N, C-alpha and C. Protein backbone atom coordinates (compact mmCIF):
# COMPACT_ATOMS: atom_id res chain seq x y z
N MET A 1 -12.92 110.33 -61.50
CA MET A 1 -12.10 111.12 -62.06
C MET A 1 -11.84 112.78 -62.22
N LYS A 2 -13.34 113.14 -62.09
CA LYS A 2 -13.72 114.62 -62.07
C LYS A 2 -13.00 114.96 -60.90
N THR A 3 -13.26 114.16 -59.68
CA THR A 3 -12.83 114.71 -58.26
C THR A 3 -11.45 114.91 -58.15
N LYS A 4 -10.62 113.75 -58.73
CA LYS A 4 -9.24 114.05 -58.62
C LYS A 4 -8.56 115.27 -59.19
N VAL A 5 -9.36 115.26 -60.64
CA VAL A 5 -8.81 116.45 -61.27
C VAL A 5 -9.17 117.74 -60.38
N PHE A 6 -10.26 117.81 -60.01
CA PHE A 6 -10.71 118.96 -59.03
C PHE A 6 -9.72 119.57 -57.94
N TYR A 7 -9.27 118.25 -57.20
CA TYR A 7 -8.30 118.13 -56.09
C TYR A 7 -7.07 118.65 -56.89
N CYS A 8 -6.51 118.07 -57.84
CA CYS A 8 -5.23 118.85 -58.38
C CYS A 8 -5.16 120.09 -58.70
N CYS A 9 -6.32 120.48 -59.25
CA CYS A 9 -6.43 121.92 -59.60
C CYS A 9 -6.52 122.96 -58.33
N LEU A 10 -7.02 122.40 -57.40
CA LEU A 10 -7.06 123.15 -56.14
C LEU A 10 -5.50 123.33 -55.38
N VAL A 11 -4.83 122.24 -55.41
CA VAL A 11 -3.82 122.24 -55.21
C VAL A 11 -2.82 123.07 -55.71
N LEU A 12 -2.88 123.09 -56.97
CA LEU A 12 -1.94 123.89 -57.98
C LEU A 12 -2.33 125.31 -57.63
N PHE A 13 -3.41 125.70 -57.38
CA PHE A 13 -4.21 127.03 -57.25
C PHE A 13 -3.47 127.66 -55.71
N PHE A 14 -3.45 126.82 -54.71
CA PHE A 14 -2.94 127.06 -53.41
C PHE A 14 -1.45 127.33 -53.56
N LEU A 15 -0.74 126.29 -54.23
CA LEU A 15 0.92 126.52 -54.80
C LEU A 15 0.98 127.98 -55.22
N GLY A 16 0.08 128.07 -56.27
CA GLY A 16 0.78 129.63 -56.91
C GLY A 16 0.18 130.58 -56.07
N PHE A 17 -0.81 130.53 -55.38
CA PHE A 17 -1.30 131.71 -54.26
C PHE A 17 0.11 131.81 -53.25
N GLN A 18 0.61 130.74 -52.63
CA GLN A 18 1.35 130.82 -51.77
C GLN A 18 2.65 131.76 -52.19
N GLY A 19 3.06 131.11 -53.64
CA GLY A 19 4.33 132.03 -54.14
C GLY A 19 3.95 133.41 -54.43
N TYR A 20 2.66 133.62 -54.70
CA TYR A 20 2.36 135.12 -54.73
C TYR A 20 2.18 135.82 -53.82
N VAL A 21 2.02 135.33 -52.14
CA VAL A 21 2.03 135.73 -51.23
C VAL A 21 3.29 135.79 -50.66
N ASP A 22 4.22 135.26 -50.81
CA ASP A 22 5.65 135.15 -50.60
C ASP A 22 6.06 136.42 -51.30
N ALA A 23 6.09 136.47 -52.71
CA ALA A 23 6.53 137.74 -53.34
C ALA A 23 5.98 138.64 -52.71
N ARG A 24 4.59 139.14 -52.72
CA ARG A 24 3.99 140.09 -51.74
C ARG A 24 4.94 140.52 -50.45
N LEU A 25 4.99 139.38 -49.60
CA LEU A 25 5.90 139.73 -48.42
C LEU A 25 7.05 140.46 -48.59
N LEU A 26 7.91 139.81 -49.68
CA LEU A 26 9.09 140.32 -49.77
C LEU A 26 9.20 141.83 -50.28
N VAL A 27 7.99 142.29 -51.13
CA VAL A 27 7.78 143.49 -51.43
C VAL A 27 7.41 144.67 -50.61
N GLU A 28 6.61 143.97 -49.57
CA GLU A 28 5.91 144.82 -48.74
C GLU A 28 7.16 145.13 -47.28
N SER A 29 8.19 144.00 -47.41
CA SER A 29 9.01 144.41 -46.13
C SER A 29 10.05 144.97 -46.56
N LYS A 30 10.28 145.55 -47.66
CA LYS A 30 11.13 146.64 -48.38
C LYS A 30 11.02 148.00 -47.48
N PRO A 31 12.18 148.34 -47.03
CA PRO A 31 11.91 149.54 -46.10
C PRO A 31 11.99 150.95 -46.98
N ASP A 32 11.24 152.03 -46.34
CA ASP A 32 10.97 153.34 -46.96
C ASP A 32 12.43 153.49 -47.50
N ARG A 33 12.48 154.48 -48.65
CA ARG A 33 13.92 154.59 -49.12
C ARG A 33 14.30 155.60 -48.66
N ASP A 34 13.95 156.33 -47.71
CA ASP A 34 14.38 157.21 -46.98
C ASP A 34 15.19 157.11 -45.67
N ASP A 35 14.80 155.79 -45.28
CA ASP A 35 15.55 155.15 -44.07
C ASP A 35 16.88 154.51 -44.84
N THR A 36 17.78 155.35 -44.68
CA THR A 36 19.07 154.61 -45.51
C THR A 36 19.72 153.63 -44.91
N ALA A 37 19.72 153.41 -43.73
CA ALA A 37 20.72 152.44 -43.15
C ALA A 37 19.86 151.15 -43.45
N ALA A 38 18.48 151.28 -43.21
CA ALA A 38 17.61 150.08 -43.32
C ALA A 38 17.30 149.44 -44.71
N TYR A 39 17.63 150.43 -45.52
CA TYR A 39 17.53 149.98 -46.94
C TYR A 39 18.70 149.36 -47.40
N ALA A 40 19.92 149.82 -47.02
CA ALA A 40 21.21 149.25 -47.54
C ALA A 40 21.10 147.85 -46.90
N ARG A 41 21.10 147.59 -45.49
CA ARG A 41 20.80 146.56 -45.04
C ARG A 41 19.78 145.42 -45.76
N TRP A 42 18.63 145.90 -45.86
CA TRP A 42 18.08 144.91 -46.52
C TRP A 42 18.62 144.54 -47.61
N LEU A 43 19.05 145.51 -48.64
CA LEU A 43 19.67 145.27 -49.70
C LEU A 43 20.62 144.55 -50.00
N VAL A 44 21.58 144.32 -48.87
CA VAL A 44 22.63 143.19 -48.70
C VAL A 44 22.26 141.82 -48.30
N SER A 45 20.87 141.77 -47.16
CA SER A 45 20.85 140.64 -46.65
C SER A 45 19.82 139.69 -47.66
N GLN A 46 19.05 140.66 -48.33
CA GLN A 46 18.36 140.33 -49.20
C GLN A 46 19.11 139.08 -50.74
N ASN A 47 20.13 139.89 -50.96
CA ASN A 47 20.71 139.42 -52.06
C ASN A 47 21.74 138.12 -51.90
N SER A 48 21.87 137.36 -52.76
CA SER A 48 23.16 136.42 -52.58
C SER A 48 24.10 136.40 -53.66
N TRP A 49 24.33 137.36 -54.32
CA TRP A 49 25.50 137.30 -55.20
C TRP A 49 25.63 138.93 -55.55
N GLY A 50 26.89 139.57 -56.21
CA GLY A 50 27.38 140.40 -56.57
C GLY A 50 28.45 140.44 -57.41
N ILE A 51 28.98 141.66 -57.70
CA ILE A 51 30.19 141.95 -58.45
C ILE A 51 31.39 142.08 -57.42
N LEU A 52 32.10 141.38 -57.32
CA LEU A 52 33.41 141.76 -56.53
C LEU A 52 34.90 142.18 -57.12
N THR A 53 34.98 143.21 -57.01
CA THR A 53 36.03 144.12 -57.96
C THR A 53 37.37 144.13 -56.92
N THR A 54 38.70 143.22 -57.47
CA THR A 54 39.85 143.63 -56.77
C THR A 54 40.68 143.98 -57.84
N LEU A 55 42.16 144.31 -57.37
CA LEU A 55 43.20 144.87 -58.36
C LEU A 55 43.93 143.72 -58.68
N SER A 56 43.85 143.72 -60.18
CA SER A 56 44.70 142.39 -60.55
C SER A 56 46.06 142.36 -60.52
N ILE A 57 46.56 141.51 -59.95
CA ILE A 57 47.98 141.24 -60.26
C ILE A 57 48.84 140.45 -61.26
N GLU A 58 47.71 140.22 -62.03
CA GLU A 58 48.20 139.58 -63.34
C GLU A 58 48.26 140.90 -64.43
N LEU A 59 47.13 141.86 -64.32
CA LEU A 59 47.03 142.81 -65.17
C LEU A 59 47.37 144.27 -64.92
N GLU A 60 48.26 144.24 -64.20
CA GLU A 60 49.15 145.29 -63.56
C GLU A 60 48.00 146.44 -62.68
N GLY A 61 47.48 145.72 -61.88
CA GLY A 61 46.75 146.58 -60.82
C GLY A 61 45.23 147.14 -61.56
N SER A 62 45.04 146.52 -62.84
CA SER A 62 43.67 146.94 -63.42
C SER A 62 42.42 146.50 -62.67
N PRO A 63 41.61 147.15 -62.44
CA PRO A 63 40.42 146.44 -61.54
C PRO A 63 39.94 145.14 -62.22
N PHE A 64 39.38 144.27 -61.31
CA PHE A 64 38.72 143.14 -62.04
C PHE A 64 37.74 142.67 -61.38
N GLY A 65 36.65 142.74 -62.09
CA GLY A 65 35.33 142.33 -61.44
C GLY A 65 35.00 141.14 -61.81
N ASN A 66 34.62 140.11 -60.73
CA ASN A 66 34.00 138.71 -60.47
C ASN A 66 32.78 138.60 -60.16
N VAL A 67 31.62 137.93 -60.56
CA VAL A 67 30.77 137.15 -60.14
C VAL A 67 30.78 136.48 -58.96
N VAL A 68 30.39 136.69 -57.75
CA VAL A 68 30.55 136.01 -56.64
C VAL A 68 29.51 135.63 -55.74
N SER A 69 29.08 134.84 -54.94
CA SER A 69 28.21 134.49 -53.95
C SER A 69 28.84 134.98 -52.70
N PHE A 70 27.60 135.38 -52.01
CA PHE A 70 28.18 135.94 -50.73
C PHE A 70 26.91 135.69 -49.54
N SER A 71 27.19 135.92 -48.44
CA SER A 71 26.36 135.68 -47.34
C SER A 71 26.65 136.72 -46.34
N ASP A 72 25.60 137.56 -45.80
CA ASP A 72 25.89 138.41 -44.42
C ASP A 72 25.31 137.92 -43.20
N GLY A 73 24.70 136.54 -43.10
CA GLY A 73 24.35 135.83 -42.01
C GLY A 73 23.24 135.06 -42.29
N VAL A 74 23.00 134.24 -41.59
CA VAL A 74 21.53 133.19 -41.77
C VAL A 74 20.40 134.04 -42.23
N PRO A 75 19.64 133.51 -42.88
CA PRO A 75 18.20 134.32 -43.13
C PRO A 75 17.35 134.87 -42.38
N GLY A 76 17.15 136.30 -41.97
CA GLY A 76 16.64 137.18 -40.74
C GLY A 76 17.38 137.38 -39.77
N LYS A 77 18.82 136.93 -40.05
CA LYS A 77 19.89 137.69 -38.92
C LYS A 77 20.92 137.98 -39.54
N GLY A 78 20.99 138.73 -40.59
CA GLY A 78 22.03 139.42 -41.45
C GLY A 78 22.86 140.32 -40.32
N THR A 79 24.45 140.70 -40.49
CA THR A 79 25.20 141.60 -39.85
C THR A 79 25.58 142.54 -40.70
N GLY A 80 25.23 142.56 -42.27
CA GLY A 80 25.69 143.87 -43.05
C GLY A 80 27.20 143.35 -43.54
N VAL A 81 27.84 142.63 -43.01
CA VAL A 81 29.39 141.90 -43.36
C VAL A 81 29.23 140.98 -44.09
N PRO A 82 29.43 141.38 -45.62
CA PRO A 82 29.80 140.07 -46.39
C PRO A 82 30.69 139.05 -46.22
N TYR A 83 30.25 137.70 -46.34
CA TYR A 83 31.31 136.77 -46.32
C TYR A 83 31.13 136.27 -47.66
N PHE A 84 32.41 135.62 -48.01
CA PHE A 84 32.71 134.54 -49.30
C PHE A 84 33.52 133.68 -49.10
N TYR A 85 32.99 132.75 -49.83
CA TYR A 85 34.01 131.33 -49.89
C TYR A 85 34.77 130.98 -51.17
N LEU A 86 35.94 131.53 -51.23
CA LEU A 86 36.73 131.85 -52.53
C LEU A 86 38.05 130.81 -52.47
N THR A 87 38.57 130.64 -53.72
CA THR A 87 39.54 129.65 -54.09
C THR A 87 40.49 130.71 -54.95
N THR A 88 41.79 130.17 -54.58
CA THR A 88 43.15 130.65 -55.24
C THR A 88 43.14 130.34 -56.39
N LEU A 89 42.41 129.07 -56.81
CA LEU A 89 42.34 128.97 -58.44
C LEU A 89 41.58 130.15 -59.15
N ASP A 90 41.14 130.94 -58.31
CA ASP A 90 40.32 132.25 -58.97
C ASP A 90 41.02 133.34 -58.65
N PRO A 91 41.17 134.33 -59.77
CA PRO A 91 41.85 135.56 -59.75
C PRO A 91 41.44 136.56 -58.58
N THR A 92 40.26 136.25 -58.08
CA THR A 92 39.75 137.39 -56.83
C THR A 92 40.52 136.88 -55.69
N ALA A 93 40.61 135.99 -55.22
CA ALA A 93 40.96 135.31 -54.05
C ALA A 93 42.83 135.91 -54.24
N ARG A 94 43.48 135.42 -55.09
CA ARG A 94 44.64 135.82 -55.28
C ARG A 94 44.91 137.19 -55.16
N ASN A 95 44.15 138.13 -56.10
CA ASN A 95 44.53 139.46 -55.90
C ASN A 95 44.14 140.05 -54.61
N ALA A 96 43.21 139.50 -53.66
CA ALA A 96 43.04 139.87 -52.20
C ALA A 96 44.14 139.71 -51.51
N LEU A 97 44.62 138.65 -51.75
CA LEU A 97 45.91 138.25 -50.84
C LEU A 97 47.35 138.89 -50.97
N LYS A 98 47.01 139.46 -52.45
CA LYS A 98 48.33 140.56 -52.68
C LYS A 98 48.00 141.94 -52.07
N ASP A 99 46.80 142.40 -52.41
CA ASP A 99 46.13 143.79 -52.11
C ASP A 99 44.82 143.67 -51.64
N HIS A 100 44.48 143.95 -50.70
CA HIS A 100 42.95 143.80 -49.74
C HIS A 100 42.12 144.69 -50.73
N ARG A 101 42.67 145.80 -51.13
CA ARG A 101 41.74 146.50 -51.46
C ARG A 101 40.53 146.33 -52.54
N SER A 102 39.15 146.30 -52.12
CA SER A 102 38.02 145.75 -52.89
C SER A 102 36.69 146.23 -52.96
N SER A 103 35.79 145.97 -53.83
CA SER A 103 34.46 146.70 -53.39
C SER A 103 33.48 145.65 -53.93
N LEU A 104 32.35 145.52 -53.37
CA LEU A 104 31.26 144.46 -53.82
C LEU A 104 30.07 145.60 -54.24
N ALA A 105 29.57 145.40 -55.23
CA ALA A 105 28.59 146.14 -56.10
C ALA A 105 27.13 145.23 -56.18
N ILE A 106 26.15 145.55 -55.42
CA ILE A 106 25.08 144.61 -55.36
C ILE A 106 23.80 145.43 -55.85
N SER A 107 22.93 144.84 -56.64
CA SER A 107 21.66 145.66 -57.24
C SER A 107 20.22 144.96 -56.48
N GLU A 108 19.72 145.92 -56.59
CA GLU A 108 18.13 145.34 -56.37
C GLU A 108 17.44 144.51 -57.42
N TYR A 109 17.85 144.58 -58.67
CA TYR A 109 17.08 144.11 -59.83
C TYR A 109 16.93 142.73 -59.81
N PRO A 110 17.87 141.75 -59.22
CA PRO A 110 17.65 140.35 -59.12
C PRO A 110 16.63 139.88 -58.40
N LEU A 111 16.33 140.68 -57.10
CA LEU A 111 15.30 140.55 -56.18
C LEU A 111 13.96 140.53 -56.79
N GLY A 112 13.52 141.22 -57.92
CA GLY A 112 12.50 141.28 -58.82
C GLY A 112 11.36 142.47 -57.95
N THR A 113 12.20 143.41 -57.39
CA THR A 113 11.33 144.40 -56.61
C THR A 113 11.47 145.77 -57.48
N CYS A 114 11.93 145.73 -58.82
CA CYS A 114 12.36 147.21 -59.45
C CYS A 114 11.02 147.32 -60.30
N SER A 115 10.02 146.45 -60.36
CA SER A 115 8.83 146.58 -61.09
C SER A 115 9.30 146.78 -62.80
N ASN A 116 9.32 147.60 -63.25
CA ASN A 116 9.79 147.79 -64.78
C ASN A 116 10.93 148.41 -64.97
N ALA A 117 11.33 148.78 -63.77
CA ALA A 117 12.59 150.00 -63.89
C ALA A 117 13.89 149.32 -64.78
N ASP A 118 14.66 149.92 -65.26
CA ASP A 118 15.81 149.40 -65.51
C ASP A 118 16.91 149.14 -64.53
N PRO A 119 17.99 148.23 -64.69
CA PRO A 119 18.98 148.10 -63.57
C PRO A 119 19.53 149.28 -63.30
N GLU A 120 19.60 150.15 -64.22
CA GLU A 120 20.60 151.62 -63.95
C GLU A 120 19.63 152.72 -63.43
N SER A 121 18.40 152.49 -63.53
CA SER A 121 17.69 153.29 -62.70
C SER A 121 17.88 153.60 -61.71
N PRO A 122 17.70 155.05 -60.96
CA PRO A 122 17.85 155.35 -59.81
C PRO A 122 16.59 154.77 -58.95
N VAL A 123 15.53 154.58 -59.45
CA VAL A 123 14.35 153.66 -58.97
C VAL A 123 14.88 152.45 -58.47
N CYS A 124 15.53 151.77 -59.03
CA CYS A 124 16.03 150.45 -58.74
C CYS A 124 17.42 150.31 -58.02
N ALA A 125 17.43 150.01 -56.75
CA ALA A 125 18.51 150.81 -55.97
C ALA A 125 20.04 149.87 -56.13
N LYS A 126 20.89 150.46 -56.00
CA LYS A 126 22.16 149.72 -56.00
C LYS A 126 23.19 150.39 -54.77
N ILE A 127 24.15 149.23 -54.42
CA ILE A 127 24.99 149.73 -53.35
C ILE A 127 26.27 149.18 -53.68
N THR A 128 27.53 150.02 -53.36
CA THR A 128 28.52 149.52 -53.36
C THR A 128 29.63 149.57 -52.19
N LEU A 129 30.00 148.60 -51.79
CA LEU A 129 30.52 148.35 -50.28
C LEU A 129 32.02 148.21 -50.54
N THR A 130 32.90 149.31 -50.19
CA THR A 130 34.35 149.39 -50.44
C THR A 130 35.04 149.36 -49.44
N GLY A 131 36.26 148.43 -49.12
CA GLY A 131 36.79 147.98 -48.24
C GLY A 131 38.07 147.12 -48.50
N ARG A 132 38.37 146.48 -47.44
CA ARG A 132 39.56 145.33 -47.49
C ARG A 132 38.89 144.14 -47.48
N LEU A 133 39.40 143.06 -48.47
CA LEU A 133 38.65 141.72 -48.77
C LEU A 133 39.86 140.75 -47.95
N VAL A 134 39.52 140.43 -46.77
CA VAL A 134 40.76 139.58 -45.64
C VAL A 134 40.43 138.39 -45.65
N LEU A 135 41.27 137.22 -45.48
CA LEU A 135 41.30 135.98 -45.13
C LEU A 135 41.11 135.99 -43.85
N LEU A 136 39.94 135.01 -43.45
CA LEU A 136 39.84 134.51 -42.12
C LEU A 136 40.43 133.52 -41.65
N GLU A 137 41.08 133.66 -40.42
CA GLU A 137 41.36 132.44 -39.58
C GLU A 137 40.79 131.30 -39.81
N ALA A 138 41.07 129.92 -40.32
CA ALA A 138 40.21 128.85 -40.65
C ALA A 138 39.40 128.56 -39.30
N ASN A 139 39.84 128.22 -38.26
CA ASN A 139 39.49 128.03 -36.89
C ASN A 139 38.80 128.68 -36.07
N SER A 140 38.76 130.05 -36.30
CA SER A 140 38.21 131.24 -35.71
C SER A 140 36.53 131.16 -35.67
N LYS A 141 36.08 131.76 -34.62
CA LYS A 141 34.64 131.65 -34.44
C LYS A 141 33.92 132.50 -35.53
N GLU A 142 34.79 133.31 -36.20
CA GLU A 142 34.09 134.22 -37.18
C GLU A 142 33.99 133.45 -38.36
N ALA A 143 35.16 132.66 -38.55
CA ALA A 143 35.14 131.53 -39.61
C ALA A 143 34.16 130.89 -39.63
N GLU A 144 33.63 130.12 -38.57
CA GLU A 144 32.66 129.05 -38.32
C GLU A 144 31.37 130.01 -38.70
N PHE A 145 30.97 131.19 -37.95
CA PHE A 145 29.87 131.89 -38.16
C PHE A 145 29.71 131.94 -39.70
N ALA A 146 30.80 132.56 -40.37
CA ALA A 146 30.62 132.95 -41.73
C ALA A 146 30.23 131.47 -43.01
N ARG A 147 31.08 130.47 -42.28
CA ARG A 147 30.60 129.34 -43.12
C ARG A 147 29.43 128.53 -42.87
N THR A 148 28.66 129.10 -41.53
CA THR A 148 26.99 128.56 -41.31
C THR A 148 26.42 129.66 -42.51
N ALA A 149 26.73 130.93 -42.05
CA ALA A 149 25.95 132.01 -43.18
C ALA A 149 26.02 131.39 -44.58
N LEU A 150 27.15 131.05 -45.18
CA LEU A 150 27.25 130.63 -46.75
C LEU A 150 26.56 129.57 -46.84
N PHE A 151 26.93 128.44 -46.23
CA PHE A 151 26.18 127.18 -46.37
C PHE A 151 24.59 127.28 -46.49
N THR A 152 24.13 128.11 -45.48
CA THR A 152 22.90 128.42 -45.32
C THR A 152 22.26 128.72 -46.87
N LYS A 153 22.75 129.78 -47.16
CA LYS A 153 22.24 130.47 -48.20
C LYS A 153 22.66 129.65 -49.60
N HIS A 154 23.69 129.35 -49.52
CA HIS A 154 24.20 128.47 -50.82
C HIS A 154 24.67 127.06 -50.45
N PRO A 155 23.70 125.80 -50.15
CA PRO A 155 23.99 124.79 -49.84
C PRO A 155 24.91 124.03 -50.54
N GLU A 156 25.00 124.27 -51.71
CA GLU A 156 25.79 123.80 -52.91
C GLU A 156 27.48 123.81 -52.58
N MET A 157 27.53 124.89 -51.87
CA MET A 157 29.03 125.04 -51.51
C MET A 157 29.67 124.06 -50.75
N LYS A 158 28.90 123.34 -49.87
CA LYS A 158 29.30 122.35 -48.87
C LYS A 158 29.97 120.89 -50.22
N GLY A 159 29.53 120.82 -51.37
CA GLY A 159 29.69 119.99 -51.72
C GLY A 159 31.26 120.12 -52.98
N TRP A 160 31.35 121.46 -52.75
CA TRP A 160 32.64 121.95 -53.81
C TRP A 160 33.87 120.90 -53.56
N PRO A 161 34.62 120.89 -54.44
CA PRO A 161 35.95 120.22 -54.11
C PRO A 161 36.78 120.48 -53.21
N LYS A 162 37.03 119.56 -52.40
CA LYS A 162 38.02 119.93 -51.15
C LYS A 162 39.28 120.20 -51.55
N GLY A 163 39.85 119.72 -52.71
CA GLY A 163 41.22 119.67 -53.41
C GLY A 163 41.31 121.30 -53.91
N HIS A 164 40.15 121.79 -53.95
CA HIS A 164 40.16 123.33 -54.44
C HIS A 164 40.48 124.53 -53.41
N ASP A 165 40.63 123.88 -52.32
CA ASP A 165 41.11 124.85 -51.04
C ASP A 165 40.35 126.08 -50.83
N PHE A 166 38.98 125.89 -50.91
CA PHE A 166 38.08 127.10 -50.48
C PHE A 166 38.35 127.67 -49.04
N GLN A 167 38.21 128.88 -48.97
CA GLN A 167 38.50 129.47 -47.95
C GLN A 167 37.77 130.77 -47.69
N VAL A 168 37.29 130.88 -46.35
CA VAL A 168 36.49 131.88 -45.83
C VAL A 168 37.20 133.50 -46.27
N PHE A 169 36.49 134.32 -46.60
CA PHE A 169 36.82 135.72 -46.78
C PHE A 169 35.87 136.63 -46.38
N LYS A 170 36.23 137.99 -45.94
CA LYS A 170 35.34 138.83 -45.42
C LYS A 170 35.65 140.54 -46.14
N LEU A 171 34.59 141.17 -46.29
CA LEU A 171 34.93 142.54 -46.67
C LEU A 171 34.86 143.29 -45.36
N GLU A 172 35.90 144.03 -45.26
CA GLU A 172 35.80 144.75 -43.91
C GLU A 172 35.78 146.26 -44.41
N ILE A 173 34.43 146.62 -44.63
CA ILE A 173 34.05 148.01 -44.93
C ILE A 173 34.09 149.08 -44.54
N GLU A 174 34.78 149.94 -45.46
CA GLU A 174 35.50 151.42 -45.50
C GLU A 174 34.67 152.37 -45.57
N ASP A 175 33.70 152.03 -46.83
CA ASP A 175 32.87 153.27 -47.53
C ASP A 175 31.76 152.65 -48.04
N ILE A 176 30.53 153.48 -48.17
CA ILE A 176 29.32 152.91 -48.53
C ILE A 176 28.73 153.86 -49.41
N PHE A 177 28.31 153.38 -50.88
CA PHE A 177 27.82 154.31 -51.89
C PHE A 177 26.52 153.41 -52.11
N MET A 178 25.50 154.26 -52.03
CA MET A 178 24.04 153.70 -52.31
C MET A 178 23.30 154.62 -52.80
N ILE A 179 22.60 154.24 -54.07
CA ILE A 179 21.26 154.99 -54.63
C ILE A 179 20.34 154.41 -54.62
N ASN A 180 19.17 154.79 -54.16
CA ASN A 180 17.86 154.34 -54.05
C ASN A 180 16.74 155.30 -54.72
N TRP A 181 17.12 156.37 -55.35
CA TRP A 181 15.94 156.97 -55.98
C TRP A 181 17.09 158.42 -56.70
N PHE A 182 16.34 159.07 -57.22
CA PHE A 182 16.74 160.14 -57.85
C PHE A 182 17.23 160.98 -56.86
N GLY A 183 18.44 161.88 -57.31
CA GLY A 183 18.89 163.03 -56.46
C GLY A 183 20.33 162.73 -55.87
N GLY A 184 21.24 161.72 -56.14
CA GLY A 184 22.31 161.16 -56.06
C GLY A 184 22.73 160.38 -55.10
N PRO A 185 23.80 159.92 -54.59
CA PRO A 185 23.99 159.06 -53.44
C PRO A 185 23.59 159.18 -51.96
N LYS A 186 22.88 158.56 -51.36
CA LYS A 186 22.32 158.76 -50.31
C LYS A 186 23.49 158.71 -48.95
N PRO A 187 23.73 159.69 -48.13
CA PRO A 187 24.80 159.98 -46.93
C PRO A 187 24.59 158.52 -45.90
N LEU A 188 25.58 157.67 -45.86
CA LEU A 188 25.39 156.52 -45.13
C LEU A 188 26.95 156.53 -44.52
N THR A 189 26.89 156.59 -43.24
CA THR A 189 28.20 155.86 -42.68
C THR A 189 28.63 154.52 -42.43
N VAL A 190 29.56 154.14 -42.43
CA VAL A 190 29.93 152.47 -42.21
C VAL A 190 29.13 152.19 -40.65
N ASP A 191 29.44 153.03 -39.70
CA ASP A 191 28.75 153.01 -38.45
C ASP A 191 27.42 152.86 -38.21
N GLN A 192 26.82 153.83 -39.00
CA GLN A 192 25.40 153.82 -39.09
C GLN A 192 24.57 152.15 -39.65
N TYR A 193 25.35 151.98 -40.92
CA TYR A 193 25.05 150.77 -41.34
C TYR A 193 25.05 149.88 -40.47
N LEU A 194 26.47 149.43 -39.69
CA LEU A 194 26.86 148.29 -39.19
C LEU A 194 25.91 148.11 -37.83
N LYS A 195 25.33 149.26 -37.17
CA LYS A 195 24.60 149.49 -36.08
C LYS A 195 23.44 149.44 -35.94
N TYR A 196 22.58 149.21 -37.07
CA TYR A 196 21.54 149.25 -37.75
C TYR A 196 20.87 147.90 -37.24
N LYS A 197 19.82 147.85 -36.40
CA LYS A 197 19.22 146.55 -36.26
C LYS A 197 17.97 146.36 -37.09
N MET A 198 18.20 144.95 -37.62
CA MET A 198 17.66 144.43 -38.54
C MET A 198 16.15 143.74 -37.95
N ASN A 199 15.00 144.17 -38.81
CA ASN A 199 13.93 143.39 -38.74
C ASN A 199 14.01 141.94 -39.19
N ILE A 200 13.32 141.05 -39.25
CA ILE A 200 13.27 139.87 -39.66
C ILE A 200 12.32 140.17 -41.01
N PHE A 201 12.93 139.99 -42.18
CA PHE A 201 12.28 140.38 -43.33
C PHE A 201 11.83 138.98 -43.88
N ALA A 202 10.92 138.99 -44.81
CA ALA A 202 10.34 137.62 -45.38
C ALA A 202 11.30 137.29 -46.49
N ILE A 203 11.71 135.96 -46.62
CA ILE A 203 12.87 135.48 -47.25
C ILE A 203 11.82 134.90 -48.58
N ASP A 204 12.06 135.01 -49.77
CA ASP A 204 11.35 134.13 -50.99
C ASP A 204 11.70 132.90 -51.00
N LYS A 205 10.95 132.10 -50.86
CA LYS A 205 11.30 130.48 -50.84
C LYS A 205 11.11 129.67 -52.13
């Protein structure tokens, strides 16, 4: 009996240690805050959801923010371009089909790498990608890539009701706003952001 208890404790210890190692890998893989393109791409690739804002067709063009899941690629191979799986039963998709202008706001806070900083603190990074939210051709290679990226990061999506007519959208980025320290937003062009070659960062399991 004592032997069984010992081995149970040992297994629990190593499972806890593995979680600790995974968390440390995520923290250590965070780029230097002065490497703006690297930091921006890391922030997008590591996150799985954000606030997507469109212009409401039901509220006379008022901004309408909505919590959405997204993916920019399979783990370790992010492209920087956010893809979404949306239904026109939700206002976000309906708004985008009428007026493509939109923005996606993402925070570092959900990653657990902000220590004790408040989500609004400049120490806790945030990024807003502004551009055009467009519907992809269902049978295109890009839509196929996007579905793989989305379903890999969000497996539950595969089981969402077929009758809800979920479709793949992407954000064509035209402007980037990022703060990851004091001193205001970091200068970063869309070209610099998209051309940055990602390293393979550890993913929290």
